[in-house]
C-alpha atoms as a PDB file:
ATOM      1  CA  MET A   1      86.706 134.619 169.310  1.00  0.00           C
ATOM      2  CA  ASP A   2      83.543 133.236 170.915  1.00  0.00           C
ATOM      3  CA  PHE A   3      83.571 129.638 172.020  1.00  0.00           C
ATOM      4  CA  GLY A   4      80.982 126.955 172.381  1.00  0.00           C
ATOM      5  CA  LEU A   5      80.034 123.603 173.529  1.00  0.00           C
ATOM      6  CA  VAL A   6      78.672 120.997 171.531  1.00  0.00           C
ATOM      7  CA  LEU A   7      76.928 118.149 173.249  1.00  0.00           C
ATOM      8  CA  GLN A   8      74.340 114.769 172.705  1.00  0.00           C
ATOM      9  CA  THR A   9      71.122 115.110 174.738  1.00  0.00           C
ATOM     10  CA  ASP A  10      72.085 111.732 176.371  1.00  0.00           C
ATOM     11  CA  PRO A  11      69.863 111.172 179.229  1.00  0.00           C
ATOM     12  CA  PRO A  12      70.399 112.392 181.303  1.00  0.00           C
ATOM     13  CA  ALA A  13      69.245 115.925 180.897  1.00  0.00           C
ATOM     14  CA  SER A  14      70.607 116.922 184.176  1.00  0.00           C
ATOM     15  CA  ARG A  15      74.123 116.076 183.134  1.00  0.00           C
ATOM     16  CA  VAL A  16      74.041 118.161 179.422  1.00  0.00           C
ATOM     17  CA  ILE A  17      72.429 121.035 181.857  1.00  0.00           C
ATOM     18  CA  SER A  18      75.233 120.637 184.070  1.00  0.00           C
ATOM     19  CA  LEU A  19      78.190 120.804 181.598  1.00  0.00           C
ATOM     20  CA  MET A  20      76.729 124.008 180.411  1.00  0.00           C
ATOM     21  CA  LYS A  21      76.408 125.409 183.321  1.00  0.00           C
ATOM     22  CA  ARG A  22      80.347 124.248 183.783  1.00  0.00           C
ATOM     23  CA  ALA A  23      81.372 126.228 180.380  1.00  0.00           C
ATOM     24  CA  GLU A  24      79.591 129.331 180.748  1.00  0.00           C
ATOM     25  CA  ARG A  25      81.364 129.124 184.076  1.00  0.00           C
ATOM     26  CA  ASN A  26      84.713 129.073 181.855  1.00  0.00           C
ATOM     27  CA  GLY A  27      84.053 131.691 179.633  1.00  0.00           C
ATOM     28  CA  PHE A  28      82.202 129.914 176.898  1.00  0.00           C
ATOM     29  CA  THR A  29      79.350 131.992 175.225  1.00  0.00           C
ATOM     30  CA  TYR A  30      77.547 129.788 173.315  1.00  0.00           C
ATOM     31  CA  GLY A  31      76.040 126.126 174.305  1.00  0.00           C
ATOM     32  CA  TRP A  32      74.941 123.757 171.138  1.00  0.00           C
ATOM     33  CA  THR A  33      73.578 120.628 171.014  1.00  0.00           C
ATOM     34  CA  PHE A  34      73.097 117.402 167.822  1.00  0.00           C
ATOM     35  CA  ASP A  35      69.000 117.246 166.904  1.00  0.00           C
ATOM     36  CA  SER A  36      68.379 113.729 166.166  1.00  0.00           C
ATOM     37  CA  ALA A  37      64.981 112.964 167.661  1.00  0.00           C
ATOM     38  CA  VAL A  38      65.337 109.151 167.272  1.00  0.00           C
ATOM     39  CA  LEU A  39      68.747 109.110 168.850  1.00  0.00           C
ATOM     40  CA  TRP A  40      68.760 111.558 171.491  1.00  0.00           C
ATOM     41  CA  GLN A  41      66.715 113.424 174.065  1.00  0.00           C
ATOM     42  CA  GLU A  42      64.652 116.145 172.884  1.00  0.00           C
ATOM     43  CA  PRO A  43      66.924 119.237 172.902  1.00  0.00           C
ATOM     44  CA  PHE A  44      64.407 122.087 173.037  1.00  0.00           C
ATOM     45  CA  VAL A  45      62.733 120.944 176.143  1.00  0.00           C
ATOM     46  CA  ILE A  46      66.548 120.850 177.454  1.00  0.00           C
ATOM     47  CA  TYR A  47      67.137 124.521 176.128  1.00  0.00           C
ATOM     48  CA  SER A  48      64.546 125.601 178.460  1.00  0.00           C
ATOM     49  CA  GLN A  49      66.663 124.791 181.718  1.00  0.00           C
ATOM     50  CA  ILE A  50      69.773 125.717 179.975  1.00  0.00           C
ATOM     51  CA  LEU A  51      68.911 129.337 179.778  1.00  0.00           C
ATOM     52  CA  ALA A  52      66.827 129.034 183.180  1.00  0.00           C
ATOM     53  CA  ASN A  53      70.265 127.619 184.649  1.00  0.00           C
ATOM     54  CA  THR A  54      72.816 130.165 183.129  1.00  0.00           C
ATOM     55  CA  THR A  55      72.785 133.817 182.202  1.00  0.00           C
ATOM     56  CA  LYS A  56      74.127 134.644 179.228  1.00  0.00           C
ATOM     57  CA  LEU A  57      74.534 131.717 177.102  1.00  0.00           C
ATOM     58  CA  THR A  58      73.059 131.403 173.451  1.00  0.00           C
ATOM     59  CA  VAL A  59      71.607 127.978 173.064  1.00  0.00           C
ATOM     60  CA  GLY A  60      70.668 126.237 169.478  1.00  0.00           C
ATOM     61  CA  PRO A  61      71.568 122.775 167.188  1.00  0.00           C
ATOM     62  CA  MET A  62      74.233 121.837 165.233  1.00  0.00           C
ATOM     63  CA  VAL A  63      72.243 121.288 163.225  1.00  0.00           C
ATOM     64  CA  THR A  64      68.408 120.951 163.164  1.00  0.00           C
ATOM     65  CA  ASN A  65      66.632 120.347 159.635  1.00  0.00           C
ATOM     66  CA  PRO A  66      63.443 121.540 157.587  1.00  0.00           C
ATOM     67  CA  GLY A  67      62.185 117.879 157.508  1.00  0.00           C
ATOM     68  CA  THR A  68      61.295 116.408 160.700  1.00  0.00           C
ATOM     69  CA  ARG A  69      59.684 119.459 162.582  1.00  0.00           C
ATOM     70  CA  THR A  70      57.364 122.210 160.239  1.00  0.00           C
ATOM     71  CA  TRP A  71      58.644 125.509 160.004  1.00  0.00           C
ATOM     72  CA  GLU A  72      56.608 127.174 162.127  1.00  0.00           C
ATOM     73  CA  VAL A  73      57.056 124.665 165.033  1.00  0.00           C
ATOM     74  CA  THR A  74      60.532 125.455 165.033  1.00  0.00           C
ATOM     75  CA  ALA A  75      60.111 128.981 164.784  1.00  0.00           C
ATOM     76  CA  SER A  76      57.705 129.034 167.083  1.00  0.00           C
ATOM     77  CA  THR A  77      60.025 127.138 169.975  1.00  0.00           C
ATOM     78  CA  PHE A  78      62.843 129.268 169.141  1.00  0.00           C
ATOM     79  CA  ALA A  79      60.448 132.423 169.936  1.00  0.00           C
ATOM     80  CA  THR A  80      58.835 131.313 172.433  1.00  0.00           C
ATOM     81  CA  LEU A  81      62.655 130.735 174.147  1.00  0.00           C
ATOM     82  CA  ASN A  82      63.755 134.000 173.664  1.00  0.00           C
ATOM     83  CA  ASP A  83      60.403 136.077 174.905  1.00  0.00           C
ATOM     84  CA  MET A  84      61.304 133.599 178.255  1.00  0.00           C
ATOM     85  CA  PHE A  85      64.848 134.029 178.235  1.00  0.00           C
ATOM     86  CA  GLY A  86      65.589 137.338 176.278  1.00  0.00           C
ATOM     87  CA  ASN A  87      67.306 136.756 172.435  1.00  0.00           C
ATOM     88  CA  ARG A  88      69.549 133.712 173.637  1.00  0.00           C
ATOM     89  CA  THR A  89      69.054 131.751 170.773  1.00  0.00           C
ATOM     90  CA  VAL A  90      70.185 130.233 167.330  1.00  0.00           C
ATOM     91  CA  CYS A  91      69.315 128.042 164.899  1.00  0.00           C
ATOM     92  CA  GLY A  92      71.894 125.965 163.050  1.00  0.00           C
ATOM     93  CA  ILE A  93      70.155 124.180 159.985  1.00  0.00           C
ATOM     94  CA  GLY A  94      71.524 121.604 157.474  1.00  0.00           C
ATOM     95  CA  ARG A  95      70.168 118.840 156.044  1.00  0.00           C
ATOM     96  CA  GLY A  96      69.936 116.575 158.993  1.00  0.00           C
ATOM     97  CA  ASP A  97      71.994 113.595 158.289  1.00  0.00           C
ATOM     98  CA  SER A  98      71.471 111.324 161.353  1.00  0.00           C
ATOM     99  CA  ALA A  99      68.219 112.419 161.883  1.00  0.00           C
ATOM    100  CA  MET A 100      66.365 111.916 158.451  1.00  0.00           C
ATOM    101  CA  ARG A 101      68.472 108.854 157.767  1.00  0.00           C
ATOM    102  CA  VAL A 102      67.463 107.010 160.896  1.00  0.00           C
ATOM    103  CA  ALA A 103      63.842 107.591 160.483  1.00  0.00           C
ATOM    104  CA  GLY A 104      64.369 106.150 157.167  1.00  0.00           C
ATOM    105  CA  ARG A 105      64.112 109.552 155.018  1.00  0.00           C
ATOM    106  CA  THR A 106      66.471 110.989 152.494  1.00  0.00           C
ATOM    107  CA  PRO A 107      68.298 114.220 153.943  1.00  0.00           C
ATOM    108  CA  ASN A 108      66.965 117.480 152.530  1.00  0.00           C
ATOM    109  CA  THR A 109      67.108 120.014 149.829  1.00  0.00           C
ATOM    110  CA  LEU A 110      68.894 122.724 149.515  1.00  0.00           C
ATOM    111  CA  ALA A 111      65.580 124.016 147.813  1.00  0.00           C
ATOM    112  CA  ARG A 112      63.959 123.195 151.111  1.00  0.00           C
ATOM    113  CA  ILE A 113      66.162 124.313 153.589  1.00  0.00           C
ATOM    114  CA  SER A 114      66.335 127.893 151.420  1.00  0.00           C
ATOM    115  CA  GLU A 115      62.832 127.854 152.023  1.00  0.00           C
ATOM    116  CA  ALA A 116      63.151 127.047 156.025  1.00  0.00           C
ATOM    117  CA  MET A 117      65.574 129.111 156.451  1.00  0.00           C
ATOM    118  CA  LYS A 118      63.755 132.235 155.184  1.00  0.00           C
ATOM    119  CA  VAL A 119      60.454 130.954 157.311  1.00  0.00           C
ATOM    120  CA  ILE A 120      61.818 130.517 159.974  1.00  0.00           C
ATOM    121  CA  ARG A 121      64.021 133.521 160.590  1.00  0.00           C
ATOM    122  CA  ALA A 122      61.009 135.806 159.827  1.00  0.00           C
ATOM    123  CA  LEU A 123      58.708 133.981 162.224  1.00  0.00           C
ATOM    124  CA  GLY A 124      61.036 133.936 164.627  1.00  0.00           C
ATOM    125  CA  SER A 125      62.089 137.593 164.336  1.00  0.00           C
ATOM    126  CA  GLY A 126      57.977 138.714 164.633  1.00  0.00           C
ATOM    127  CA  GLN A 127      57.973 139.148 160.859  1.00  0.00           C
ATOM    128  CA  GLU A 128      55.546 137.584 158.757  1.00  0.00           C
ATOM    129  CA  ALA A 129      55.797 134.431 156.274  1.00  0.00           C
ATOM    130  CA  ASP A 130      54.340 132.838 153.676  1.00  0.00           C
ATOM    131  CA  LEU A 131      53.888 129.395 154.269  1.00  0.00           C
ATOM    132  CA  GLY A 132      52.846 128.149 150.573  1.00  0.00           C
ATOM    133  CA  GLY A 133      50.286 130.584 150.352  1.00  0.00           C
ATOM    134  CA  THR A 134      48.829 131.518 153.548  1.00  0.00           C
ATOM    135  CA  VAL A 135      50.621 134.323 155.348  1.00  0.00           C
ATOM    136  CA  ILE A 136      50.906 133.625 159.592  1.00  0.00           C
ATOM    137  CA  THR A 137      52.927 135.818 162.015  1.00  0.00           C
ATOM    138  CA  PHE A 138      53.101 135.239 165.410  1.00  0.00           C
ATOM    139  CA  PRO A 139      50.920 138.129 167.128  1.00  0.00           C
ATOM    140  CA  TRP A 140      52.762 137.533 170.685  1.00  0.00           C
ATOM    141  CA  ALA A 141      56.227 137.904 168.816  1.00  0.00           C
ATOM    142  CA  LYS A 142      57.899 141.193 170.938  1.00  0.00           C
ATOM    143  CA  GLU A 143      59.231 143.592 168.914  1.00  0.00           C
ATOM    144  CA  ASP A 144      62.823 143.413 169.106  1.00  0.00           C
ATOM    145  CA  ALA A 145      62.803 139.425 169.038  1.00  0.00           C
ATOM    146  CA  GLN A 146      65.622 137.849 166.490  1.00  0.00           C
ATOM    147  CA  LEU A 147      66.543 134.820 165.192  1.00  0.00           C
ATOM    148  CA  PRO A 148      70.043 134.128 163.123  1.00  0.00           C
ATOM    149  CA  VAL A 149      69.965 131.022 161.158  1.00  0.00           C
ATOM    150  CA  TRP A 150      73.221 130.000 160.826  1.00  0.00           C
ATOM    151  CA  MET A 151      73.776 126.884 157.984  1.00  0.00           C
ATOM    152  CA  ALA A 152      76.517 123.799 157.807  1.00  0.00           C
ATOM    153  CA  ALA A 153      77.758 123.271 154.471  1.00  0.00           C
ATOM    154  CA  TYR A 154      80.702 121.234 152.591  1.00  0.00           C
ATOM    155  CA  GLY A 155      79.781 120.876 148.930  1.00  0.00           C
ATOM    156  CA  PRO A 156      79.944 123.867 146.428  1.00  0.00           C
ATOM    157  CA  LYS A 157      75.892 124.611 146.397  1.00  0.00           C
ATOM    158  CA  ALA A 158      75.374 124.589 150.399  1.00  0.00           C
ATOM    159  CA  LEU A 159      78.548 127.341 150.447  1.00  0.00           C
ATOM    160  CA  LYS A 160      77.380 129.296 147.546  1.00  0.00           C
ATOM    161  CA  MET A 161      73.538 129.763 149.711  1.00  0.00           C
ATOM    162  CA  THR A 162      75.308 129.860 152.888  1.00  0.00           C
ATOM    163  CA  GLY A 163      76.995 133.074 151.720  1.00  0.00           C
ATOM    164  CA  GLU A 164      74.008 134.530 149.781  1.00  0.00           C
ATOM    165  CA  GLU A 165      71.126 133.355 152.924  1.00  0.00           C
ATOM    166  CA  ALA A 166      72.687 132.028 155.919  1.00  0.00           C
ATOM    167  CA  ASP A 167      73.222 134.208 158.863  1.00  0.00           C
ATOM    168  CA  GLY A 168      76.293 132.234 159.855  1.00  0.00           C
ATOM    169  CA  PHE A 169      78.338 129.141 158.574  1.00  0.00           C
ATOM    170  CA  ILE A 170      78.937 126.216 160.470  1.00  0.00           C
ATOM    171  CA  LEU A 171      81.728 124.168 159.118  1.00  0.00           C
ATOM    172  CA  GLN A 172      82.446 120.857 161.404  1.00  0.00           C
ATOM    173  CA  LEU A 173      86.190 120.801 161.240  1.00  0.00           C
ATOM    174  CA  SER A 174      89.264 122.489 162.084  1.00  0.00           C
ATOM    175  CA  ASP A 175      91.482 121.775 159.314  1.00  0.00           C
ATOM    176  CA  LEU A 176      93.239 125.144 157.919  1.00  0.00           C
ATOM    177  CA  TYR A 177      93.639 124.515 154.264  1.00  0.00           C
ATOM    178  CA  LEU A 178      89.809 123.612 154.303  1.00  0.00           C
ATOM    179  CA  THR A 179      88.670 125.936 156.585  1.00  0.00           C
ATOM    180  CA  GLU A 180      90.480 128.986 154.512  1.00  0.00           C
ATOM    181  CA  TYR A 181      89.245 127.123 151.320  1.00  0.00           C
ATOM    182  CA  MET A 182      85.392 126.866 152.613  1.00  0.00           C
ATOM    183  CA  VAL A 183      85.010 130.525 154.463  1.00  0.00           C
ATOM    184  CA  LYS A 184      86.557 131.684 151.172  1.00  0.00           C
ATOM    185  CA  ALA A 185      83.705 130.514 149.343  1.00  0.00           C
ATOM    186  CA  VAL A 186      81.179 131.676 151.519  1.00  0.00           C
ATOM    187  CA  LYS A 187      82.178 134.827 151.640  1.00  0.00           C
ATOM    188  CA  ASP A 188      82.519 135.362 148.254  1.00  0.00           C
ATOM    189  CA  ALA A 189      79.195 134.285 147.327  1.00  0.00           C
ATOM    190  CA  ALA A 190      77.911 137.293 149.783  1.00  0.00           C
ATOM    191  CA  ILE A 191      80.020 139.762 148.115  1.00  0.00           C
ATOM    192  CA  ALA A 192      78.822 138.553 144.885  1.00  0.00           C
ATOM    193  CA  VAL A 193      75.082 139.085 145.932  1.00  0.00           C
ATOM    194  CA  GLY A 194      75.821 142.461 147.432  1.00  0.00           C
ATOM    195  CA  ARG A 195      75.905 141.472 150.992  1.00  0.00           C
ATOM    196  CA  ASP A 196      79.202 142.456 153.812  1.00  0.00           C
ATOM    197  CA  PRO A 197      80.745 139.328 154.072  1.00  0.00           C
ATOM    198  CA  SER A 198      81.563 140.481 157.918  1.00  0.00           C
ATOM    199  CA  GLU A 199      77.533 140.314 158.012  1.00  0.00           C
ATOM    200  CA  VAL A 200      77.645 135.956 157.306  1.00  0.00           C
ATOM    201  CA  LYS A 201      79.300 134.514 160.976  1.00  0.00           C
ATOM    202  CA  ILE A 202      82.321 131.597 161.064  1.00  0.00           C
ATOM    203  CA  CYS A 203      81.724 129.100 163.341  1.00  0.00           C
ATOM    204  CA  VAL A 204      84.569 126.106 163.437  1.00  0.00           C
ATOM    205  CA  ALA A 205      83.156 122.805 165.126  1.00  0.00           C
ATOM    206  CA  ALA A 206      85.477 120.031 165.809  1.00  0.00           C
ATOM    207  CA  PRO A 207      86.418 117.984 169.148  1.00  0.00           C
ATOM    208  CA  ALA A 208      88.997 119.171 171.275  1.00  0.00           C
ATOM    209  CA  TYR A 209      91.296 116.604 173.414  1.00  0.00           C
ATOM    210  CA  VAL A 210      93.529 118.749 175.385  1.00  0.00           C
ATOM    211  CA  THR A 211      96.216 116.293 176.945  1.00  0.00           C
ATOM    212  CA  GLU A 212      99.176 116.989 179.482  1.00  0.00           C
ATOM    213  CA  ASP A 213     102.222 116.847 177.118  1.00  0.00           C
ATOM    214  CA  ASP A 214     102.683 115.856 173.458  1.00  0.00           C
ATOM    215  CA  SER A 215     104.091 112.478 174.885  1.00  0.00           C
ATOM    216  CA  PRO A 216     103.088 109.710 171.512  1.00  0.00           C
ATOM    217  CA  GLU A 217     100.805 107.800 174.234  1.00  0.00           C
ATOM    218  CA  ALA A 218      99.217 111.225 175.384  1.00  0.00           C
ATOM    219  CA  LEU A 219      97.989 111.862 171.473  1.00  0.00           C
ATOM    220  CA  ALA A 220      97.814 108.105 170.590  1.00  0.00           C
ATOM    221  CA  HIS A 221      94.697 108.080 173.709  1.00  0.00           C
ATOM    222  CA  ALA A 222      93.625 111.488 172.014  1.00  0.00           C
ATOM    223  CA  ARG A 223      93.521 110.829 168.735  1.00  0.00           C
ATOM    224  CA  ASP A 224      91.360 107.296 169.309  1.00  0.00           C
ATOM    225  CA  GLN A 225      88.780 109.268 171.659  1.00  0.00           C
ATOM    226  CA  CYS A 226      88.087 112.029 168.612  1.00  0.00           C
ATOM    227  CA  ARG A 227      88.215 109.586 165.387  1.00  0.00           C
ATOM    228  CA  TRP A 228      84.849 109.132 165.601  1.00  0.00           C
ATOM    229  CA  PHE A 229      84.443 112.555 164.131  1.00  0.00           C
ATOM    230  CA  GLY A 230      86.383 111.925 160.893  1.00  0.00           C
ATOM    231  CA  GLY A 231      83.773 108.585 160.564  1.00  0.00           C
ATOM    232  CA  MET A 232      80.495 111.502 161.253  1.00  0.00           C
ATOM    233  CA  VAL A 233      82.118 114.294 158.299  1.00  0.00           C
ATOM    234  CA  GLY A 234      82.767 110.950 156.458  1.00  0.00           C
ATOM    235  CA  ASN A 235      79.088 110.423 156.244  1.00  0.00           C
ATOM    236  CA  HIS A 236      78.981 113.864 153.856  1.00  0.00           C
ATOM    237  CA  VAL A 237      82.337 113.470 151.777  1.00  0.00           C
ATOM    238  CA  ALA A 238      79.785 110.283 151.094  1.00  0.00           C
ATOM    239  CA  ASP A 239      77.270 111.970 149.424  1.00  0.00           C
ATOM    240  CA  LEU A 240      79.499 115.066 148.209  1.00  0.00           C
ATOM    241  CA  VAL A 241      81.672 112.211 146.217  1.00  0.00           C
ATOM    242  CA  SER A 242      78.664 110.329 145.082  1.00  0.00           C
ATOM    243  CA  LYS A 243      77.034 113.722 143.558  1.00  0.00           C
ATOM    244  CA  TYR A 244      80.034 115.135 142.199  1.00  0.00           C
ATOM    245  CA  GLY A 245      82.452 112.177 141.944  1.00  0.00           C
ATOM    246  CA  GLU A 246      85.753 110.745 143.167  1.00  0.00           C
ATOM    247  CA  HIS A 247      87.697 113.193 141.519  1.00  0.00           C
ATOM    248  CA  SER A 248      85.875 116.819 140.627  1.00  0.00           C
ATOM    249  CA  ALA A 249      87.284 119.968 140.780  1.00  0.00           C
ATOM    250  CA  ALA A 250      84.341 120.959 142.524  1.00  0.00           C
ATOM    251  CA  VAL A 251      85.355 119.558 145.921  1.00  0.00           C
ATOM    252  CA  PRO A 252      88.443 119.403 146.764  1.00  0.00           C
ATOM    253  CA  GLU A 253      90.543 116.296 147.099  1.00  0.00           C
ATOM    254  CA  GLU A 254      91.321 117.320 150.594  1.00  0.00           C
ATOM    255  CA  LEU A 255      88.763 116.616 151.854  1.00  0.00           C
ATOM    256  CA  THR A 256      87.617 113.368 149.745  1.00  0.00           C
ATOM    257  CA  ASP A 257      90.496 111.213 149.580  1.00  0.00           C
ATOM    258  CA  TYR A 258      90.472 109.713 153.460  1.00  0.00           C
ATOM    259  CA  ILE A 259      86.962 107.893 152.683  1.00  0.00           C
ATOM    260  CA  LYS A 260      88.252 105.915 150.194  1.00  0.00           C
ATOM    261  CA  ALA A 261      88.163 102.428 152.765  1.00  0.00           C
ATOM    262  CA  ARG A 262      84.934 103.702 153.898  1.00  0.00           C
ATOM    263  CA  GLU A 263      82.907 100.922 153.858  1.00  0.00           C
ATOM    264  CA  GLY A 264      79.745 101.596 155.683  1.00  0.00           C
ATOM    265  CA  TYR A 265      78.005 103.391 159.082  1.00  0.00           C
ATOM    266  CA  ASP A 266      75.941 102.211 162.043  1.00  0.00           C
ATOM    267  CA  TYR A 267      73.841 105.556 163.189  1.00  0.00           C
ATOM    268  CA  SER A 268      73.479 103.777 166.161  1.00  0.00           C
ATOM    269  CA  HIS A 269      77.350 104.652 167.010  1.00  0.00           C
ATOM    270  CA  HIS A 270      76.959 108.292 165.648  1.00  0.00           C
ATOM    271  CA  GLY A 271      78.762 110.803 167.422  1.00  0.00           C
ATOM    272  CA  ARG A 272      80.277 108.051 169.980  1.00  0.00           C
ATOM    273  CA  ALA A 273      84.393 107.428 171.055  1.00  0.00           C
ATOM    274  CA  ASP A 274      83.468 104.195 171.025  1.00  0.00           C
ATOM    275  CA  ASN A 275      81.824 104.179 166.675  1.00  0.00           C
ATOM    276  CA  PRO A 276      84.115 100.795 165.403  1.00  0.00           C
ATOM    277  CA  ASP A 277      83.006 102.425 161.993  1.00  0.00           C
ATOM    278  CA  THR A 278      85.954 104.575 162.051  1.00  0.00           C
ATOM    279  CA  ALA A 279      88.763 102.600 161.571  1.00  0.00           C
ATOM    280  CA  PHE A 280      89.190 103.794 158.158  1.00  0.00           C
ATOM    281  CA  VAL A 281      90.324 107.523 159.309  1.00  0.00           C
ATOM    282  CA  PRO A 282      94.090 107.584 159.517  1.00  0.00           C
ATOM    283  CA  ASP A 283      95.542 109.580 162.270  1.00  0.00           C
ATOM    284  CA  GLU A 284      96.285 112.426 159.922  1.00  0.00           C
ATOM    285  CA  ILE A 285      92.323 113.125 159.336  1.00  0.00           C
ATOM    286  CA  VAL A 286      92.060 113.111 162.823  1.00  0.00           C
ATOM    287  CA  ASP A 287      95.163 115.726 163.602  1.00  0.00           C
ATOM    288  CA  ARG A 288      93.643 117.785 160.588  1.00  0.00           C
ATOM    289  CA  PHE A 289      89.836 117.806 161.443  1.00  0.00           C
ATOM    290  CA  CYS A 290      90.072 117.806 165.324  1.00  0.00           C
ATOM    291  CA  ILE A 291      92.273 119.804 167.701  1.00  0.00           C
ATOM    292  CA  ILE A 292      94.555 117.296 169.768  1.00  0.00           C
ATOM    293  CA  GLY A 293      97.212 118.056 172.195  1.00  0.00           C
ATOM    294  CA  SER A 294      98.369 120.206 175.064  1.00  0.00           C
ATOM    295  CA  ALA A 295      97.127 124.018 175.584  1.00  0.00           C
ATOM    296  CA  GLU A 296      99.868 125.293 174.048  1.00  0.00           C
ATOM    297  CA  LYS A 297      99.036 123.687 170.228  1.00  0.00           C
ATOM    298  CA  GLN A 298      95.043 123.893 170.886  1.00  0.00           C
ATOM    299  CA  ILE A 299      95.958 127.675 170.939  1.00  0.00           C
ATOM    300  CA  GLU A 300      98.149 127.951 168.292  1.00  0.00           C
ATOM    301  CA  LYS A 301      95.570 126.005 166.064  1.00  0.00           C
ATOM    302  CA  LEU A 302      92.956 128.387 167.579  1.00  0.00           C
ATOM    303  CA  ASN A 303      95.324 131.643 166.617  1.00  0.00           C
ATOM    304  CA  ALA A 304      95.597 130.539 162.914  1.00  0.00           C
ATOM    305  CA  LEU A 305      91.691 129.502 162.692  1.00  0.00           C
ATOM    306  CA  ARG A 306      91.369 133.112 164.064  1.00  0.00           C
ATOM    307  CA  GLU A 307      93.575 134.435 160.783  1.00  0.00           C
ATOM    308  CA  LEU A 308      91.559 132.970 158.887  1.00  0.00           C
ATOM    309  CA  GLY A 309      88.017 134.737 160.103  1.00  0.00           C
ATOM    310  CA  VAL A 310      86.529 132.193 162.373  1.00  0.00           C
ATOM    311  CA  ASP A 311      84.470 133.931 164.521  1.00  0.00           C
ATOM    312  CA  GLN A 312      84.203 131.503 167.278  1.00  0.00           C
ATOM    313  CA  PHE A 313      85.101 127.288 167.920  1.00  0.00           C
ATOM    314  CA  ALA A 314      82.803 125.198 169.168  1.00  0.00           C
ATOM    315  CA  VAL A 315      84.150 122.437 170.921  1.00  0.00           C
ATOM    316  CA  TYR A 316      82.473 118.588 170.598  1.00  0.00           C
ATOM    317  CA  ASP A 317      82.657 117.230 173.861  1.00  0.00           C
ATOM    318  CA  MET A 318      81.937 113.584 173.499  1.00  0.00           C
ATOM    319  CA  HIS A 319      84.925 111.934 174.513  1.00  0.00           C
ATOM    320  CA  ASP A 320      86.080 110.580 178.089  1.00  0.00           C
ATOM    321  CA  ALA A 321      87.384 114.206 179.274  1.00  0.00           C
ATOM    322  CA  GLN A 322      84.685 115.991 179.254  1.00  0.00           C
ATOM    323  CA  GLU A 323      84.913 118.221 182.591  1.00  0.00           C
ATOM    324  CA  ALA A 324      88.509 118.232 181.737  1.00  0.00           C
ATOM    325  CA  THR A 325      88.704 119.593 178.289  1.00  0.00           C
ATOM    326  CA  ILE A 326      85.802 122.524 179.398  1.00  0.00           C
ATOM    327  CA  ASP A 327      87.976 123.296 182.637  1.00  0.00           C
ATOM    328  CA  ALA A 328      91.670 123.514 180.336  1.00  0.00           C
ATOM    329  CA  TYR A 329      89.679 125.611 178.121  1.00  0.00           C
ATOM    330  CA  GLY A 330      88.755 127.625 180.666  1.00  0.00           C
ATOM    331  CA  SER A 331      91.824 127.860 182.450  1.00  0.00           C
ATOM    332  CA  LYS A 332      94.224 128.284 179.423  1.00  0.00           C
ATOM    333  CA  VAL A 333      92.993 128.058 175.758  1.00  0.00           C
ATOM    334  CA  ILE A 334      90.379 130.739 176.156  1.00  0.00           C
ATOM    335  CA  PRO A 335      92.583 133.324 178.103  1.00  0.00           C
ATOM    336  CA  ALA A 336      95.198 133.369 175.731  1.00  0.00           C
ATOM    337  CA  VAL A 337      93.532 133.046 172.345  1.00  0.00           C
ATOM    338  CA  ASN A 338      90.985 136.634 173.790  1.00  0.00           C
ATOM    339  CA  GLY A 339      93.833 138.013 176.153  1.00  0.00           C
END
């Protein structure tokens, strides 16, 4: 199993770079960041420094979207980084929940994501792409240029499109039931269009908080540090409920039930441990969606995720134990899972 580190690009950028270097030293192979131009600093500028200061780490956004940048600019940025540092980038893409809403726009449609994925992947891989009637290519792209595009998804139509079109699936939660349910939907969609389902990489991304023991006090603190994640996922779930209804066969109630007490969301606290808009998230959801507890508990759940076909676990590291979590994974968790 690959391991990734997910960070927000809060200033100073030097700290983001330092944590990514620490992650690589501890056996992580992917470095991801949020991409929301108003809330955080520009990630692609920082990627250049991460790549320059590491040797093997693959970097990319979790996730960018097709609405805040023109597609040829997105592709050119990836292709330039790959030309400078080797093929060490991956394009995670989604609807643009925070990036679009903070800028006063509506998240992108699946149709727009589909068109963007084709263009970005083709251009980033040195091939031609049609920009609405104008066919272009990057004359400077190397022959061996590659840019995989991984799609974030929850709903049935997005899961289907991921299996049909994306190189990877990003699932932002680590609940075992929902992981099995959604991975199956993606793989079945791939098979239905004649793809080898193993070609679609599966990345589960969620907060991990490694505690010294599994005492009630230690677990309570860890849950409070990771409760923000249930609020973030709740934004996507609220959109699904709005589209499909509160009780729909299209979306499992194991995903939707917990947002009934959700009242609102302030993006200025997005992805932060002190988010005041996540009081509605119960402990059960934190335990299901995140990986909380001792190294032994982390290893147990990660092994279960691997059995479900997960190729990568990406650690959201936004809490008060960033370095400790990276080091615990490097010294205990990753060796045990991959030993």
